[in-house]
Amino acid sequence: MGELHREYRDFVGFYWTLPLPAFGFTKLPDFPDEAARASRTIRYQREAVRRYVAERKGRLADEVVFLEIHPDRSSDGVEPYVERALRSCQKHHAQLVFVDFAREHGWRSHPWMSRLMHLAPISCLGLDPEPVVIDGEPFDPIGHFRTMKAAAESRGSPADRRAALAALVADVVAEMRGAAPGRRCARSRSG
């Protein structure tokens, strides 16, 4: 019970996004700074977490980002990245902070991630996906998801989209088989 009300000073940010094969977005850079430049969704989550940490006069000890395998659903591929973030929380005696998109009408729910965080022996806090100003421009994540979904659906025929998805999954599987562990996901700042 005491853990529930503990005031944290150190935090670990966890950010994730979906690939958008229709727009050629199928890889995320290896470092959080670069990932935030490559993905508006990652940049948004990072900004939301950093504001939360700053409001508490805390310290962002680490950041971990993850690019999902499928553009339309979650997978268990998130597990090693959540585990890495949880290990970092243990190392820094920190709370894991992420944006819980599912709080807004179920957008971008991630059952695998939710389950792992629910079972974790670490405090995990999901922030509401509220609009924020980034680089002087308002950014509404749910509006962004709606816009991107509609734009992706308008590109090419359903057969073209299925072929692009199959090619993406084949590339990811081949890369995961031949790459070092952690290659698909951006590295955390501390490791």
Protein backbone atom coordinates (compact mmCIF):
# COMPACT_ATOMS: atom_id res chain seq x y z
CA MET A 1 0.00 0.00 0.00
CA GLY A 2 2.86 2.38 0.79
CA GLU A 3 4.25 1.88 -2.73
CA LEU A 4 0.98 3.14 -4.17
CA HIS A 5 1.37 6.56 -2.55
CA ARG A 6 5.13 6.89 -2.84
CA GLU A 7 6.42 10.15 -4.30
CA TYR A 8 8.87 9.33 -7.08
CA ARG A 9 11.77 11.60 -8.02
CA ASP A 10 13.12 9.43 -10.84
CA PHE A 11 11.16 8.25 -13.85
CA VAL A 12 11.60 6.08 -16.94
CA GLY A 13 9.63 7.01 -20.06
CA PHE A 14 8.25 4.29 -22.34
CA TYR A 15 7.10 5.35 -25.83
CA TRP A 16 5.73 3.21 -28.64
CA THR A 17 4.18 3.57 -32.05
CA LEU A 18 2.84 1.57 -34.97
CA PRO A 19 4.52 1.27 -38.37
CA LEU A 20 2.84 2.98 -41.32
CA PRO A 21 3.88 0.92 -44.37
CA ALA A 22 1.63 3.00 -46.66
CA PHE A 23 3.94 5.96 -45.91
CA GLY A 24 7.21 4.01 -45.80
CA PHE A 25 7.50 4.28 -42.00
CA THR A 26 8.63 0.77 -41.07
CA LYS A 27 11.74 1.37 -38.95
CA LEU A 28 12.52 3.52 -35.96
CA PRO A 29 15.99 4.99 -35.36
CA ASP A 30 18.10 3.38 -32.67
CA PHE A 31 18.11 6.22 -30.13
CA PRO A 32 15.24 8.06 -28.38
CA ASP A 33 16.33 11.50 -29.67
CA GLU A 34 16.37 10.27 -33.26
CA ALA A 35 13.15 8.30 -32.79
CA ALA A 36 11.42 11.47 -31.56
CA ARG A 37 12.52 13.28 -34.72
CA ALA A 38 11.31 10.40 -36.93
CA SER A 39 7.89 9.90 -35.32
CA ARG A 40 5.37 12.52 -34.24
CA THR A 41 3.72 9.96 -31.96
CA ILE A 42 7.02 9.24 -30.19
CA ARG A 43 7.76 12.98 -29.97
CA TYR A 44 4.31 13.57 -28.45
CA GLN A 45 4.70 10.83 -25.83
CA ARG A 46 8.17 12.04 -24.96
CA GLU A 47 6.92 15.60 -24.51
CA ALA A 48 3.98 14.46 -22.35
CA VAL A 49 6.24 12.36 -20.11
CA ARG A 50 8.87 15.10 -19.84
CA ARG A 51 6.22 17.63 -18.82
CA TYR A 52 4.91 15.24 -16.18
CA VAL A 53 8.44 14.73 -14.81
CA ALA A 54 9.15 18.48 -14.84
CA GLU A 55 5.90 19.25 -12.96
CA ARG A 56 7.13 16.95 -10.20
CA LYS A 57 10.63 18.43 -10.30
CA GLY A 58 11.84 14.92 -11.01
CA ARG A 59 14.52 13.37 -13.19
CA LEU A 60 13.98 11.39 -16.37
CA ALA A 61 16.49 8.59 -15.74
CA ASP A 62 15.91 6.66 -18.96
CA GLU A 63 13.73 6.38 -22.05
CA VAL A 64 12.81 3.28 -24.06
CA VAL A 65 11.00 3.32 -27.42
CA PHE A 66 9.38 0.52 -29.38
CA LEU A 67 8.08 0.17 -32.93
CA GLU A 68 5.29 -2.39 -33.11
CA ILE A 69 5.49 -5.14 -35.75
CA HIS A 70 1.96 -4.78 -37.14
CA PRO A 71 0.41 -1.49 -38.30
CA ASP A 72 -3.04 -2.49 -37.07
CA ARG A 73 -2.63 -4.37 -33.78
CA SER A 74 -0.42 -5.03 -30.82
CA SER A 75 1.90 -8.01 -30.39
CA ASP A 76 3.99 -9.78 -27.79
CA GLY A 77 7.02 -8.22 -29.48
CA VAL A 78 6.72 -5.43 -26.92
CA GLU A 79 7.70 -7.76 -24.06
CA PRO A 80 11.51 -7.41 -24.16
CA TYR A 81 11.22 -3.63 -24.38
CA VAL A 82 8.82 -3.33 -21.45
CA GLU A 83 11.12 -5.67 -19.53
CA ARG A 84 14.09 -3.44 -20.37
CA ALA A 85 12.17 -0.40 -19.13
CA LEU A 86 11.18 -2.22 -15.93
CA ARG A 87 14.82 -3.23 -15.29
CA SER A 88 15.79 0.39 -15.72
CA CYS A 89 13.10 1.37 -13.20
CA GLN A 90 14.57 -1.10 -10.72
CA LYS A 91 18.09 0.19 -11.33
CA HIS A 92 17.05 3.83 -10.81
CA HIS A 93 14.31 3.22 -8.19
CA ALA A 94 12.02 4.92 -10.68
CA GLN A 95 8.40 4.89 -11.78
CA LEU A 96 7.57 3.85 -15.35
CA VAL A 97 5.54 6.55 -17.13
CA PHE A 98 3.81 6.16 -20.50
CA VAL A 99 0.85 7.64 -22.38
CA ASP A 100 -2.18 5.35 -22.13
CA PHE A 101 -3.86 5.99 -25.49
CA ALA A 102 -6.58 3.43 -24.74
CA ARG A 103 -8.08 5.81 -22.15
CA GLU A 104 -9.49 7.82 -25.05
CA HIS A 105 -12.26 5.63 -26.50
CA GLY A 106 -9.95 2.60 -26.75
CA TRP A 107 -7.62 4.15 -29.34
CA ARG A 108 -4.38 2.23 -29.67
CA SER A 109 -4.99 -0.21 -26.90
CA HIS A 110 -2.05 -2.53 -26.31
CA PRO A 111 -3.22 -5.56 -24.28
CA TRP A 112 0.27 -7.13 -24.21
CA MET A 113 1.85 -3.99 -22.79
CA SER A 114 -1.03 -3.40 -20.36
CA ARG A 115 -0.76 -6.95 -19.01
CA LEU A 116 3.01 -6.72 -18.51
CA MET A 117 2.73 -3.41 -16.71
CA HIS A 118 -0.18 -4.59 -14.58
CA LEU A 119 1.81 -7.63 -13.42
CA ALA A 120 5.06 -5.71 -12.91
CA PRO A 121 6.49 -5.29 -9.42
CA ILE A 122 7.23 -1.68 -10.46
CA SER A 123 4.89 1.30 -10.30
CA CYS A 124 3.64 2.05 -13.84
CA LEU A 125 1.67 5.23 -14.52
CA GLY A 126 -0.38 5.79 -17.67
CA LEU A 127 -0.94 9.44 -18.57
CA ASP A 128 -4.09 10.61 -20.34
CA PRO A 129 -3.56 11.27 -24.07
CA GLU A 130 -4.31 14.97 -23.83
CA PRO A 131 -3.42 17.43 -26.59
CA VAL A 132 -0.21 19.43 -26.06
CA VAL A 133 1.71 22.13 -27.91
CA ILE A 134 4.87 20.79 -29.55
CA ASP A 135 7.24 23.11 -31.41
CA GLY A 136 4.64 25.88 -31.19
CA GLU A 137 1.91 23.76 -32.79
CA PRO A 138 -1.03 22.05 -31.06
CA PHE A 139 -0.89 18.26 -31.32
CA ASP A 140 -3.92 16.08 -30.56
CA PRO A 141 -2.76 12.44 -30.58
CA ILE A 142 -6.20 10.95 -31.13
CA GLY A 143 -6.92 13.39 -33.96
CA HIS A 144 -3.53 12.48 -35.43
CA PHE A 145 -4.37 8.75 -35.27
CA ARG A 146 -7.71 9.34 -37.01
CA THR A 147 -6.07 11.41 -39.75
CA MET A 148 -3.28 8.90 -40.34
CA LYS A 149 -5.69 5.96 -40.39
CA ALA A 150 -7.89 7.68 -42.98
CA ALA A 151 -4.87 8.69 -45.09
CA ALA A 152 -3.42 5.16 -44.98
CA GLU A 153 -6.77 3.64 -45.94
CA SER A 154 -7.04 5.97 -48.94
CA ARG A 155 -3.64 4.90 -50.31
CA GLY A 156 -3.81 2.03 -52.79
CA SER A 157 -6.21 -0.86 -53.00
CA PRO A 158 -6.87 -3.30 -50.16
CA ALA A 159 -4.70 -5.83 -52.04
CA ASP A 160 -1.84 -3.28 -52.19
CA ARG A 161 -2.15 -2.64 -48.46
CA ARG A 162 -2.17 -6.39 -47.70
CA ALA A 163 0.92 -6.89 -49.88
CA ALA A 164 2.72 -4.00 -48.15
CA LEU A 165 1.80 -5.45 -44.76
CA ALA A 166 2.99 -8.93 -45.74
CA ALA A 167 6.29 -7.47 -46.99
CA LEU A 168 6.72 -5.52 -43.75
CA VAL A 169 6.09 -8.58 -41.60
CA ALA A 170 8.49 -10.68 -43.72
CA ASP A 171 11.18 -7.98 -43.38
CA VAL A 172 10.68 -7.77 -39.63
CA VAL A 173 10.83 -11.55 -39.19
CA ALA A 174 13.99 -11.76 -41.33
CA GLU A 175 15.59 -8.90 -39.43
CA MET A 176 14.70 -10.39 -36.05
CA ARG A 177 16.20 -13.74 -37.06
CA GLY A 178 19.42 -12.22 -38.34
CA ALA A 179 19.89 -9.21 -36.10
CA ALA A 180 21.25 -8.85 -32.63
CA PRO A 181 18.66 -8.69 -29.83
CA GLY A 182 17.11 -5.25 -29.56
CA ARG A 183 17.84 -4.24 -33.15
CA ARG A 184 14.23 -3.43 -34.04
CA CYS A 185 13.72 -1.04 -31.20
CA ALA A 186 15.47 2.14 -30.28
CA ARG A 187 17.93 1.78 -27.45
CA SER A 188 17.33 3.28 -24.08
CA ARG A 189 19.46 6.27 -23.11
CA SER A 190 21.29 4.41 -20.37
CA GLY A 191 22.06 1.26 -22.29
